[in-house]
Protein backbone atom coordinates (compact mmCIF):
# COMPACT_ATOMS: atom_id res chain seq x y z
CA UNK A 1 -14.23 -32.42 33.80
CA UNK A 2 -16.29 -29.31 35.62
CA UNK A 3 -14.35 -26.83 37.84
CA UNK A 4 -17.03 -24.75 39.45
CA UNK A 5 -15.97 -21.61 41.45
CA UNK A 6 -15.28 -21.87 44.72
CA UNK A 7 -17.16 -19.71 47.42
CA UNK A 8 -14.41 -17.61 49.49
CA UNK A 9 -15.50 -20.05 52.55
CA UNK A 10 -14.95 -23.29 50.55
CA UNK A 11 -11.35 -22.05 49.54
CA UNK A 12 -10.03 -21.53 53.04
CA UNK A 13 -10.18 -25.72 53.66
CA UNK A 14 -8.18 -26.10 50.06
CA UNK A 15 -4.63 -26.06 49.55
CA UNK A 16 -2.50 -24.03 47.16
CA UNK A 17 -1.79 -27.39 45.24
CA UNK A 18 -5.62 -28.04 45.01
CA UNK A 19 -5.95 -24.41 43.86
CA UNK A 20 -3.71 -24.57 41.12
CA UNK A 21 -5.00 -27.76 39.61
CA UNK A 22 -8.31 -26.27 39.74
CA UNK A 23 -6.90 -23.47 37.41
CA UNK A 24 -5.34 -25.55 35.37
CA UNK A 25 -8.38 -27.80 34.80
CA UNK A 26 -9.98 -24.19 33.64
CA UNK A 27 -7.25 -23.48 31.59
CA UNK A 28 -7.64 -26.37 29.59
CA UNK A 29 -11.40 -25.72 28.63
CA UNK A 30 -10.08 -21.93 27.95
CA UNK A 31 -11.94 -20.65 30.87
CA UNK A 32 -9.67 -17.64 31.46
CA UNK A 33 -12.18 -15.45 33.03
CA UNK A 34 -13.07 -17.92 35.60
CA UNK A 35 -9.28 -18.89 35.80
CA UNK A 36 -8.60 -15.01 37.23
CA UNK A 37 -11.33 -14.68 39.79
CA UNK A 38 -10.18 -18.28 41.60
CA UNK A 39 -6.59 -16.43 41.46
CA UNK A 40 -8.29 -13.33 42.84
CA UNK A 41 -10.04 -15.35 45.61
CA UNK A 42 -6.94 -17.45 46.65
CA UNK A 43 -5.48 -13.81 47.33
CA UNK A 44 -8.25 -12.66 49.38
CA UNK A 45 -8.42 -15.69 51.30
CA UNK A 46 -4.69 -15.34 52.57
CA UNK A 47 -3.71 -18.19 50.54
CA UNK A 48 0.61 -17.46 49.58
CA UNK A 49 0.54 -17.53 46.10
CA UNK A 50 3.65 -18.85 44.10
CA UNK A 51 5.08 -18.36 40.81
CA UNK A 52 3.46 -21.83 39.93
CA UNK A 53 -0.38 -20.62 40.30
CA UNK A 54 0.41 -17.39 38.41
CA UNK A 55 1.66 -19.61 35.21
CA UNK A 56 -1.01 -21.55 35.07
CA UNK A 57 -3.28 -18.50 35.29
CA UNK A 58 -1.38 -17.07 32.16
CA UNK A 59 -1.35 -19.72 30.43
CA UNK A 60 -5.41 -19.70 31.07
CA UNK A 61 -5.46 -16.64 29.52
CA UNK A 62 -3.24 -17.52 26.76
CA UNK A 63 -5.54 -20.14 25.90
CA UNK A 64 -8.41 -17.81 25.87
CA UNK A 65 -6.33 -15.26 23.35
CA UNK A 66 -6.57 -12.90 26.16
CA UNK A 67 -2.89 -11.01 26.07
CA UNK A 68 -4.15 -8.18 28.29
CA UNK A 69 -5.10 -9.93 31.38
CA UNK A 70 -1.74 -12.11 30.86
CA UNK A 71 0.19 -8.98 31.23
CA UNK A 72 -1.86 -7.87 34.36
CA UNK A 73 -1.00 -11.29 36.13
CA UNK A 74 2.82 -10.75 34.85
CA UNK A 75 2.45 -7.22 36.10
CA UNK A 76 1.10 -8.23 39.51
CA UNK A 77 3.67 -11.25 39.75
CA UNK A 78 6.58 -8.08 39.92
CA UNK A 79 4.57 -5.66 42.28
CA UNK A 80 4.55 -8.77 44.50
CA UNK A 81 7.88 -9.23 44.36
CA UNK A 82 7.56 -12.85 42.63
CA UNK A 83 10.37 -13.17 40.30
CA UNK A 84 9.00 -14.80 36.72
CA UNK A 85 10.31 -18.25 35.53
CA UNK A 86 11.20 -19.32 32.33
CA UNK A 87 7.61 -20.70 32.41
CA UNK A 88 6.22 -17.50 32.82
CA UNK A 89 7.68 -15.85 30.20
CA UNK A 90 7.10 -18.64 27.82
CA UNK A 91 3.37 -18.64 28.88
CA UNK A 92 3.25 -14.77 28.18
CA UNK A 93 5.15 -15.12 25.23
CA UNK A 94 2.10 -17.29 23.76
CA UNK A 95 -0.60 -14.95 24.89
CA UNK A 96 1.01 -11.75 23.18
CA UNK A 97 1.60 -13.99 19.87
CA UNK A 98 -1.93 -14.91 20.13
CA UNK A 99 -2.78 -11.15 20.85
CA UNK A 100 -0.53 -10.19 17.65
CA UNK A 101 1.38 -7.96 20.60
CA UNK A 102 4.83 -8.14 18.59
CA UNK A 103 6.38 -5.27 20.54
CA UNK A 104 5.40 -6.66 24.10
CA UNK A 105 6.89 -10.04 23.02
CA UNK A 106 10.26 -8.48 21.83
CA UNK A 107 10.03 -6.26 25.36
CA UNK A 108 9.70 -9.40 27.40
CA UNK A 109 12.78 -10.62 26.21
CA UNK A 110 14.65 -7.60 26.55
CA UNK A 111 13.26 -8.15 30.37
CA UNK A 112 14.63 -11.97 30.61
CA UNK A 113 18.06 -11.28 31.94
CA UNK A 114 16.95 -8.69 34.38
CA UNK A 115 15.20 -11.62 35.75
CA UNK A 116 18.31 -13.99 35.52
CA UNK A 117 16.43 -15.92 33.09
CA UNK A 118 18.07 -17.21 29.36
CA UNK A 119 15.27 -16.92 26.32
CA UNK A 120 15.33 -20.54 25.35
CA UNK A 121 13.90 -21.83 21.65
CA UNK A 122 10.72 -22.02 22.72
CA UNK A 123 10.67 -18.57 24.00
CA UNK A 124 12.21 -17.82 20.70
CA UNK A 125 9.63 -19.48 18.58
CA UNK A 126 6.78 -17.59 20.64
CA UNK A 127 8.61 -14.24 19.83
CA UNK A 128 8.87 -15.11 16.34
CA UNK A 129 5.33 -16.12 16.04
CA UNK A 130 4.42 -12.81 17.32
CA UNK A 131 6.61 -10.83 15.00
CA UNK A 132 4.99 -13.28 12.11
CA UNK A 133 1.76 -12.38 13.45
CA UNK A 134 2.39 -8.64 13.13
CA UNK A 135 4.19 -8.76 9.83
CA UNK A 136 7.66 -7.14 11.71
CA UNK A 137 9.88 -9.21 8.92
CA UNK A 138 13.25 -7.01 10.38
CA UNK A 139 12.62 -8.32 13.92
CA UNK A 140 12.12 -12.14 12.94
CA UNK A 141 15.28 -11.83 11.14
CA UNK A 142 17.00 -10.03 14.09
CA UNK A 143 15.70 -12.84 16.57
CA UNK A 144 17.05 -15.73 14.18
CA UNK A 145 20.45 -14.11 13.85
CA UNK A 146 20.52 -13.78 17.87
CA UNK A 147 19.87 -17.57 17.87
CA UNK A 148 22.51 -18.18 16.40
CA UNK A 149 24.68 -15.57 18.07
CA UNK A 150 23.78 -17.14 21.26
CA UNK A 151 24.56 -20.61 20.07
CA UNK A 152 20.81 -21.63 20.35
CA UNK A 153 20.12 -24.10 17.55
CA UNK A 154 17.03 -22.94 15.51
CA UNK A 155 14.31 -25.26 14.76
CA UNK A 156 11.61 -26.18 11.97
CA UNK A 157 9.18 -24.21 14.03
CA UNK A 158 11.48 -21.34 14.53
CA UNK A 159 12.52 -21.05 10.57
CA UNK A 160 8.94 -21.55 9.27
CA UNK A 161 7.75 -18.57 12.02
CA UNK A 162 10.59 -16.48 10.35
CA UNK A 163 9.60 -17.45 6.90
CA UNK A 164 6.02 -16.49 7.49
CA UNK A 165 6.85 -13.25 9.14
CA UNK A 166 8.63 -12.39 5.90
CA UNK A 167 5.91 -13.58 3.90
CA UNK A 168 3.30 -11.48 5.76
CA UNK A 169 6.06 -8.64 5.37
CA UNK A 170 5.75 -8.91 1.92
CA UNK A 171 9.52 -9.53 1.71
CA UNK A 172 9.69 -12.51 -0.85
CA UNK A 173 13.40 -12.66 -1.06
CA UNK A 174 13.97 -12.68 2.65
CA UNK A 175 12.01 -15.69 3.07
CA UNK A 176 13.66 -17.72 0.15
CA UNK A 177 16.91 -16.52 1.81
CA UNK A 178 15.37 -17.75 5.08
CA UNK A 179 14.10 -21.25 3.08
CA UNK A 180 17.42 -21.61 2.30
CA UNK A 181 19.37 -21.32 5.42
CA UNK A 182 17.35 -24.16 6.87
CA UNK A 183 19.39 -26.70 4.73
CA UNK A 184 22.54 -24.64 5.36
CA UNK A 185 22.05 -25.49 9.16
CA UNK A 186 21.23 -29.11 8.60
CA UNK A 187 17.22 -28.33 9.18
CA UNK A 188 15.06 -30.26 6.92
CA UNK A 189 12.22 -27.79 5.51
CA UNK A 190 8.29 -29.82 5.94
CA UNK A 191 5.70 -28.80 4.26
CA UNK A 192 4.58 -25.73 6.12
CA UNK A 193 8.22 -24.16 5.32
CA UNK A 194 7.37 -24.60 1.67
CA UNK A 195 3.70 -23.54 2.00
CA UNK A 196 5.28 -20.12 3.56
CA UNK A 197 7.52 -19.92 1.05
CA UNK A 198 5.01 -20.21 -2.08
CA UNK A 199 3.21 -17.90 -0.11
CA UNK A 200 5.44 -15.36 -0.16
CA UNK A 201 6.27 -15.48 -3.58
CA UNK A 202 2.69 -14.91 -4.26
CA UNK A 203 2.84 -11.82 -2.47
CA UNK A 204 5.90 -10.99 -4.49
CA UNK A 205 4.38 -12.25 -7.76
CA UNK A 206 7.00 -14.65 -8.67
CA UNK A 207 5.30 -17.47 -9.82
CA UNK A 208 8.16 -19.03 -11.27
CA UNK A 209 9.67 -19.57 -8.02
CA UNK A 210 6.56 -20.85 -6.45
CA UNK A 211 6.32 -23.59 -8.93
CA UNK A 212 10.50 -24.21 -8.28
CA UNK A 213 9.45 -24.71 -4.77
CA UNK A 214 6.32 -27.06 -5.51
CA UNK A 215 8.92 -29.19 -7.44
CA UNK A 216 11.10 -29.10 -5.12
CA UNK A 217 8.69 -30.26 -2.49
CA UNK A 218 7.96 -33.31 -4.45
CA UNK A 219 11.58 -34.21 -5.18
CA UNK A 220 11.94 -34.38 -1.60
CA UNK A 221 9.23 -36.99 -1.22
CA UNK A 222 6.82 -34.48 0.89
CA UNK A 223 2.93 -34.35 0.07
CA UNK A 224 1.61 -31.09 -0.84
CA UNK A 225 -1.63 -30.27 0.82
CA UNK A 226 -4.52 -27.90 -0.48
CA UNK A 227 -2.43 -25.00 1.20
CA UNK A 228 0.05 -25.98 -1.04
CA UNK A 229 -1.34 -26.14 -3.74
CA UNK A 230 -3.51 -22.93 -2.91
CA UNK A 231 -0.67 -20.76 -2.46
CA UNK A 232 1.07 -22.05 -5.81
CA UNK A 233 -2.16 -21.50 -7.71
CA UNK A 234 -2.66 -17.70 -6.33
CA UNK A 235 1.00 -17.27 -7.31
CA UNK A 236 0.08 -18.16 -10.84
CA UNK A 237 -3.14 -15.93 -10.65
CA UNK A 238 -0.78 -13.08 -9.59
CA UNK A 239 1.22 -13.69 -12.53
CA UNK A 240 -1.90 -14.41 -14.97
CA UNK A 241 -0.87 -17.54 -16.20
CA UNK A 242 -4.35 -19.08 -16.44
CA UNK A 243 -3.16 -22.43 -18.72
CA UNK A 244 -0.49 -23.14 -15.81
CA UNK A 245 -3.22 -22.83 -13.32
CA UNK A 246 -5.76 -25.04 -14.83
CA UNK A 247 -2.94 -27.87 -15.47
CA UNK A 248 -2.41 -27.67 -11.81
CA UNK A 249 -5.91 -27.41 -10.75
CA UNK A 250 -6.50 -30.60 -12.63
CA UNK A 251 -3.16 -32.51 -10.88
CA UNK A 252 -4.65 -32.22 -7.82
CA UNK A 253 -6.11 -35.23 -7.38
CA UNK A 254 -2.80 -36.98 -8.37
CA UNK A 255 -1.99 -36.58 -5.17
CA UNK A 256 -5.22 -37.27 -3.37
CA UNK A 257 -5.86 -33.38 -2.46
CA UNK A 258 -9.51 -31.76 -3.71
CA UNK A 259 -10.01 -28.40 -4.87
CA UNK A 260 -11.59 -26.35 -2.80
CA UNK A 261 -13.17 -22.79 -3.24
CA UNK A 262 -10.12 -20.62 -2.62
CA UNK A 263 -8.62 -22.83 -5.52
CA UNK A 264 -11.07 -22.32 -7.89
CA UNK A 265 -11.15 -18.57 -7.37
CA UNK A 266 -7.68 -18.34 -7.65
CA UNK A 267 -8.08 -20.04 -11.00
CA UNK A 268 -10.96 -18.10 -12.33
CA UNK A 269 -8.85 -14.80 -10.99
CA UNK A 270 -5.89 -15.82 -13.48
CA UNK A 271 -8.81 -16.53 -16.22
CA UNK A 272 -9.75 -13.37 -15.39
CA UNK A 273 -6.42 -11.43 -15.23
CA UNK A 274 -5.99 -13.29 -18.94
CA UNK A 275 -8.58 -11.85 -20.37
CA UNK A 276 -10.29 -15.33 -20.91
CA UNK A 277 -13.74 -14.52 -19.91
CA UNK A 278 -15.21 -17.43 -21.37
CA UNK A 279 -13.14 -19.77 -18.85
CA UNK A 280 -13.71 -17.73 -16.29
CA UNK A 281 -17.20 -18.04 -16.98
CA UNK A 282 -17.00 -21.78 -17.12
CA UNK A 283 -14.99 -22.27 -14.44
CA UNK A 284 -17.80 -20.67 -11.82
CA UNK A 285 -20.38 -22.74 -13.97
CA UNK A 286 -18.61 -26.19 -12.96
CA UNK A 287 -18.20 -25.15 -9.29
CA UNK A 288 -21.44 -27.58 -7.76
CA UNK A 289 -20.09 -30.60 -10.40
CA UNK A 290 -16.84 -30.29 -8.22
CA UNK A 291 -19.04 -30.02 -5.36
CA UNK A 292 -17.78 -26.56 -4.40
CA UNK A 293 -19.86 -23.74 -3.28
CA UNK A 294 -18.41 -20.54 -4.83
CA UNK A 295 -17.26 -17.97 -2.72
CA UNK A 296 -17.83 -13.96 -3.39
CA UNK A 297 -13.96 -13.83 -4.58
CA UNK A 298 -14.78 -16.23 -7.49
CA UNK A 299 -18.28 -14.01 -8.26
CA UNK A 300 -15.98 -11.05 -8.19
CA UNK A 301 -13.16 -12.49 -10.55
CA UNK A 302 -15.98 -13.85 -12.89
CA UNK A 303 -17.91 -10.19 -12.67
CA UNK A 304 -14.42 -8.28 -13.29
CA UNK A 305 -13.81 -10.46 -15.94
CA UNK A 306 -17.15 -9.44 -17.75
CA UNK A 307 -15.94 -5.72 -17.17
CA UNK A 308 -12.95 -6.12 -19.28
CA UNK A 309 -14.92 -7.42 -22.48
CA UNK A 310 -17.62 -5.14 -21.67
CA UNK A 311 -20.27 -7.55 -21.12
CA UNK A 312 -22.31 -5.38 -18.54
CA UNK A 313 -25.40 -7.45 -18.75
CA UNK A 314 -23.34 -10.79 -17.81
CA UNK A 315 -21.37 -8.51 -15.11
CA UNK A 316 -25.08 -7.90 -13.41
CA UNK A 317 -26.58 -11.25 -14.02
CA UNK A 318 -23.48 -12.65 -11.79
CA UNK A 319 -24.13 -10.03 -9.80
CA UNK A 320 -27.83 -11.29 -9.14
CA UNK A 321 -26.58 -14.40 -8.46
CA UNK A 322 -24.53 -13.67 -6.04
CA UNK A 323 -26.94 -12.15 -4.21
CA UNK A 324 -29.14 -15.03 -4.12
CA UNK A 325 -26.38 -17.41 -3.24
CA UNK A 326 -25.48 -18.24 0.47
CA UNK A 327 -22.35 -15.96 -0.28
CA UNK A 328 -22.57 -12.33 0.17
CA UNK A 329 -21.66 -9.42 -2.09
CA UNK A 330 -19.32 -7.17 -0.41
CA UNK A 331 -17.32 -3.57 -1.78
CA UNK A 332 -15.08 -5.54 -4.35
CA UNK A 333 -17.85 -7.24 -6.24
CA UNK A 334 -20.11 -3.99 -6.31
CA UNK A 335 -16.91 -2.11 -7.60
CA UNK A 336 -16.79 -4.74 -10.52
CA UNK A 337 -19.82 -4.64 -11.73
CA UNK A 338 -19.74 -0.69 -11.25
CA UNK A 339 -16.68 -0.87 -13.61
CA UNK A 340 -18.85 -2.88 -16.07
CA UNK A 341 -21.60 -0.79 -16.13
CA UNK A 342 -19.20 2.49 -16.81
CA UNK A 343 -17.61 0.36 -19.47
CA UNK A 344 -20.57 -0.13 -21.06
CA UNK A 345 -21.89 3.68 -20.56
CA UNK A 346 -24.72 2.62 -18.15
CA UNK A 347 -24.32 5.31 -15.49
CA UNK A 348 -27.63 5.00 -14.69
CA UNK A 349 -26.90 1.37 -13.43
CA UNK A 350 -23.83 2.14 -11.95
CA UNK A 351 -25.65 5.00 -9.67
CA UNK A 352 -28.04 2.50 -9.13
CA UNK A 353 -25.60 -0.10 -7.77
CA UNK A 354 -23.80 2.85 -5.68
CA UNK A 355 -26.93 3.25 -3.51
CA UNK A 356 -27.96 -0.45 -3.27
CA UNK A 357 -24.26 -0.76 -2.01
CA UNK A 358 -24.99 2.17 1.09
CA UNK A 359 -28.74 0.21 1.51
CA UNK A 360 -26.87 -2.56 1.90
CA UNK A 361 -24.75 -1.23 4.80
CA UNK A 362 -21.34 -1.20 2.87
CA UNK A 363 -19.39 1.64 2.54
CA UNK A 364 -18.36 2.93 -0.94
CA UNK A 365 -14.79 3.37 -1.21
CA UNK A 366 -12.55 4.97 -3.68
CA UNK A 367 -12.68 2.50 -6.53
CA UNK A 368 -16.55 2.00 -6.53
CA UNK A 369 -16.72 6.02 -6.62
CA UNK A 370 -14.32 6.07 -9.31
CA UNK A 371 -15.90 3.89 -11.47
CA UNK A 372 -18.90 5.55 -11.04
CA UNK A 373 -17.74 8.73 -11.85
CA UNK A 374 -16.14 7.07 -14.81
CA UNK A 375 -19.60 5.43 -15.82
CA UNK A 376 -21.07 9.26 -15.83
CA UNK A 377 -18.28 11.05 -17.59
CA UNK A 378 -18.04 8.09 -20.39
CA UNK A 379 -21.95 8.72 -20.65
CA UNK A 380 -21.32 12.58 -20.68
CA UNK A 381 -22.80 13.41 -17.49
CA UNK A 382 -20.28 15.41 -15.90
CA UNK A 383 -22.74 17.26 -13.80
CA UNK A 384 -23.35 14.13 -12.34
CA UNK A 385 -20.05 12.75 -12.41
CA UNK A 386 -18.75 16.18 -10.02
CA UNK A 387 -21.42 15.58 -7.92
CA UNK A 388 -20.13 12.49 -7.25
CA UNK A 389 -16.96 14.14 -6.39
CA UNK A 390 -18.59 16.25 -3.95
CA UNK A 391 -20.13 13.09 -1.90
CA UNK A 392 -16.37 11.60 -1.97
CA UNK A 393 -15.11 14.67 -0.15
CA UNK A 394 -18.32 14.85 2.48
CA UNK A 395 -18.03 10.82 3.05
CA UNK A 396 -14.00 11.75 3.60
CA UNK A 397 -13.41 8.78 0.84
CA UNK A 398 -9.78 9.45 -0.45
CA UNK A 399 -9.53 10.94 -3.81
CA UNK A 400 -6.82 9.31 -6.20
CA UNK A 401 -5.27 10.22 -9.56
CA UNK A 402 -8.06 7.93 -10.93
CA UNK A 403 -10.53 10.50 -9.35
CA UNK A 404 -9.50 13.59 -10.49
CA UNK A 405 -8.51 12.11 -13.84
CA UNK A 406 -12.13 11.02 -14.58
CA UNK A 407 -13.69 13.93 -13.13
CA UNK A 408 -11.61 16.36 -15.34
CA UNK A 409 -12.15 14.51 -18.12
CA UNK A 410 -15.95 14.70 -17.55
CA UNK A 411 -15.14 19.02 -17.52
CA UNK A 412 -13.48 18.22 -20.86
CA UNK A 413 -17.11 16.90 -22.38
CA UNK A 414 -18.91 19.06 -20.49
CA UNK A 415 -16.36 22.29 -21.59
CA UNK A 416 -16.52 23.29 -18.04
CA UNK A 417 -13.21 25.13 -18.14
CA UNK A 418 -13.57 26.62 -14.49
CA UNK A 419 -14.38 23.65 -12.54
CA UNK A 420 -11.30 21.56 -14.47
CA UNK A 421 -8.83 23.77 -13.62
CA UNK A 422 -10.07 24.22 -9.87
CA UNK A 423 -9.75 20.59 -9.97
CA UNK A 424 -6.11 20.75 -11.36
CA UNK A 425 -5.44 23.48 -8.20
CA UNK A 426 -6.83 20.73 -5.54
CA UNK A 427 -4.81 18.04 -6.70
CA UNK A 428 -1.41 20.99 -6.24
CA UNK A 429 -2.88 20.98 -2.63
CA UNK A 430 -3.35 17.61 -2.12
CA UNK A 431 0.21 17.06 -3.77
CA UNK A 432 -0.98 14.98 -6.57
CA UNK A 433 1.04 15.02 -9.78
CA UNK A 434 -1.37 15.32 -13.16
CA UNK A 435 -0.42 13.14 -15.55
CA UNK A 436 0.05 14.25 -19.26
CA UNK A 437 -3.69 12.68 -19.95
CA UNK A 438 -4.95 14.97 -17.37
CA UNK A 439 -3.35 18.07 -18.46
CA UNK A 440 -4.77 17.15 -21.96
CA UNK A 441 -8.06 16.91 -20.45
CA UNK A 442 -7.85 20.51 -18.87
CA UNK A 443 -6.13 22.28 -21.95
CA UNK A 444 -9.86 20.83 -24.03
CA UNK A 445 -12.11 22.01 -21.48
CA UNK A 446 -10.18 25.54 -21.75
CA UNK A 447 -10.24 24.97 -25.59
CA UNK A 448 -13.98 24.02 -26.30
CA UNK A 449 -15.02 25.98 -22.96
CA UNK A 450 -13.85 29.80 -23.42
CA UNK A 451 -11.04 29.49 -21.12
CA UNK A 452 -8.85 29.92 -23.74
CA UNK A 453 -6.45 32.31 -21.78
CA UNK A 454 -5.60 29.27 -19.92
CA UNK A 455 -4.85 27.03 -22.15
CA UNK A 456 -1.41 28.29 -23.09
CA UNK A 457 -0.07 27.67 -19.43
CA UNK A 458 -1.05 24.17 -19.19
CA UNK A 459 0.28 23.53 -22.66
CA UNK A 460 3.69 24.74 -21.72
CA UNK A 461 3.63 22.69 -18.79
CA UNK A 462 2.66 19.61 -21.12
CA UNK A 463 5.79 20.44 -23.20
CA UNK A 464 8.05 20.67 -20.44
CA UNK A 465 7.00 17.23 -19.11
CA UNK A 466 7.13 16.16 -22.69
CA UNK A 467 10.48 16.93 -23.19
CA UNK A 468 11.39 15.22 -19.75
CA UNK A 469 9.75 11.91 -20.88
CA UNK A 470 11.34 11.72 -24.29
CA UNK A 471 14.85 12.37 -23.02
CA UNK A 472 13.75 9.12 -20.25
CA UNK A 473 12.82 7.22 -23.00
CA UNK A 474 9.29 6.74 -20.89
CA UNK A 475 6.58 8.45 -23.55
CA UNK A 476 3.38 6.49 -22.95
CA UNK A 477 1.36 8.95 -24.79
CA UNK A 478 2.57 10.38 -27.88
CA UNK A 479 -0.70 11.11 -29.49
CA UNK A 480 -1.25 13.59 -26.57
CA UNK A 481 2.16 15.36 -27.07
CA UNK A 482 1.57 15.94 -30.94
CA UNK A 483 -1.64 17.49 -29.91
CA UNK A 484 0.15 19.63 -27.38
CA UNK A 485 2.42 20.52 -29.67
CA UNK A 486 -0.13 21.14 -32.49
CA UNK A 487 -2.10 23.67 -29.90
CA UNK A 488 1.00 25.78 -28.70
CA UNK A 489 1.96 26.41 -31.90
CA UNK A 490 -1.77 27.37 -32.89
CA UNK A 491 -1.17 29.78 -29.85
CA UNK A 492 2.10 31.18 -31.45
CA UNK A 493 4.46 29.30 -29.34
CA UNK A 494 7.81 27.94 -30.00
CA UNK A 495 7.51 24.24 -29.92
CA UNK A 496 10.46 22.09 -28.00
CA UNK A 497 12.67 20.25 -30.12
CA UNK A 498 12.18 16.51 -29.19
CA UNK A 499 8.27 17.54 -29.69
CA UNK A 500 8.85 18.56 -33.28
CA UNK A 501 10.85 15.12 -33.84
CA UNK A 502 8.17 13.23 -32.36
CA UNK A 503 5.48 14.84 -34.47
CA UNK A 504 7.30 14.34 -37.44
CA UNK A 505 8.01 10.82 -36.79
CA UNK A 506 4.25 9.99 -36.03
CA UNK A 507 2.60 12.37 -38.36
CA UNK A 508 5.16 11.40 -41.56
CA UNK A 509 3.74 8.46 -42.27
CA UNK A 510 0.19 9.61 -42.65
CA UNK A 511 1.45 13.02 -44.39
CA UNK A 512 3.09 9.92 -47.12
CA UNK A 513 -0.34 8.41 -47.53
CA UNK A 514 -2.27 11.90 -47.92
CA UNK A 515 0.35 12.62 -50.39
């Protein structure tokens, strides 16, 4: 039914009831703007507006996902000394929830007692959904606790919203705890409960828990949907469990659930993380037979699989295939392709891809720039690597530990000790702690480039960190520490006893072979 805006003359002959019905009609078609115009026109015509018509206007804003106009109507009611009702608060809460305004939703909960109102289960559910949208897991748990304190019986919707808030806030243990609490309060979890809990396990990299939840879902004679399977497959992907992921995808049809592009992308990513590049490419190639059109996530995972085994030609071919498809390449797919070129020491291709990124209107990020710097470093193009570093600073792209590591390594290859030491100083200013590999590269730059006066200082810092690492039993680069110890001895500095013991432990077997 069409509800045309009324002229001021026409509205003068209308009753408040008829105007309210007209706003209700506009609400059903999400025409919030026209509803507000009608509300304003009613006021200008001298009609005495009640709480009900304001409630309908707020609901129209909520239907249109417009929280700011809804707030304006609510504030207007208070200025005109109209006391909001429970319906007013629920409608406003719905608008805040859809607008992801969790703070305003919680504030409204605090305001309700001032108006003599008691928050209902519906109000709490809307506030919980707002917390979920805002990733406010702590606020959601507090609201659920308050419901029990106020002797309000939470339902499956309130529990699901709380689990979803924990999931979005990456609190898998709280999500599972809330899931378990449902049965303690005689509330039966539904498929949505399990889906949210499995998704929380995926974000927490708890694939075993996700598998157990799927088994429990089946035991309760609930029917998993494609969202259930995708949550489980994503959890398996995070755990690099490609064998189980392949079996789960194959079993989906037993439940009359058909894999979608998200399902396939998760399986391809699981193969990629397990260095099963052949399977990743086979899964991608088989998507047309599955009547699924590969998306950018699937392509990016396949490109990354090729990158890990240094098949840069395959990676570039996949990127070109992605460009020809309906899916659009993004920064992630370009970053994977640039990394593949870096591993293949194809710095020209890497820089060309970085240039294409800008021409397509995509902004390079830390990962793509790091990959390009690494490509230059591995190919001995230290000057280009340092120029890329300068460009990153100019574009205000965040410099990470990997950025400095690749840049200082390029200085070592170019025997540029001055630039290496300058970058070390920059790291100190940026409060980034150089690891042993970075310090070792700086030592190499000093040793080879003539900056021998600074080498002992760096070596002493390596020795100090080495002793700490040895005592903590967290040694990751023993070879570098042995080299540091030998360099210290060459410069005439005493070697720490842990380093000497390490040198004997690593070098001993080799010396015995030489004898």
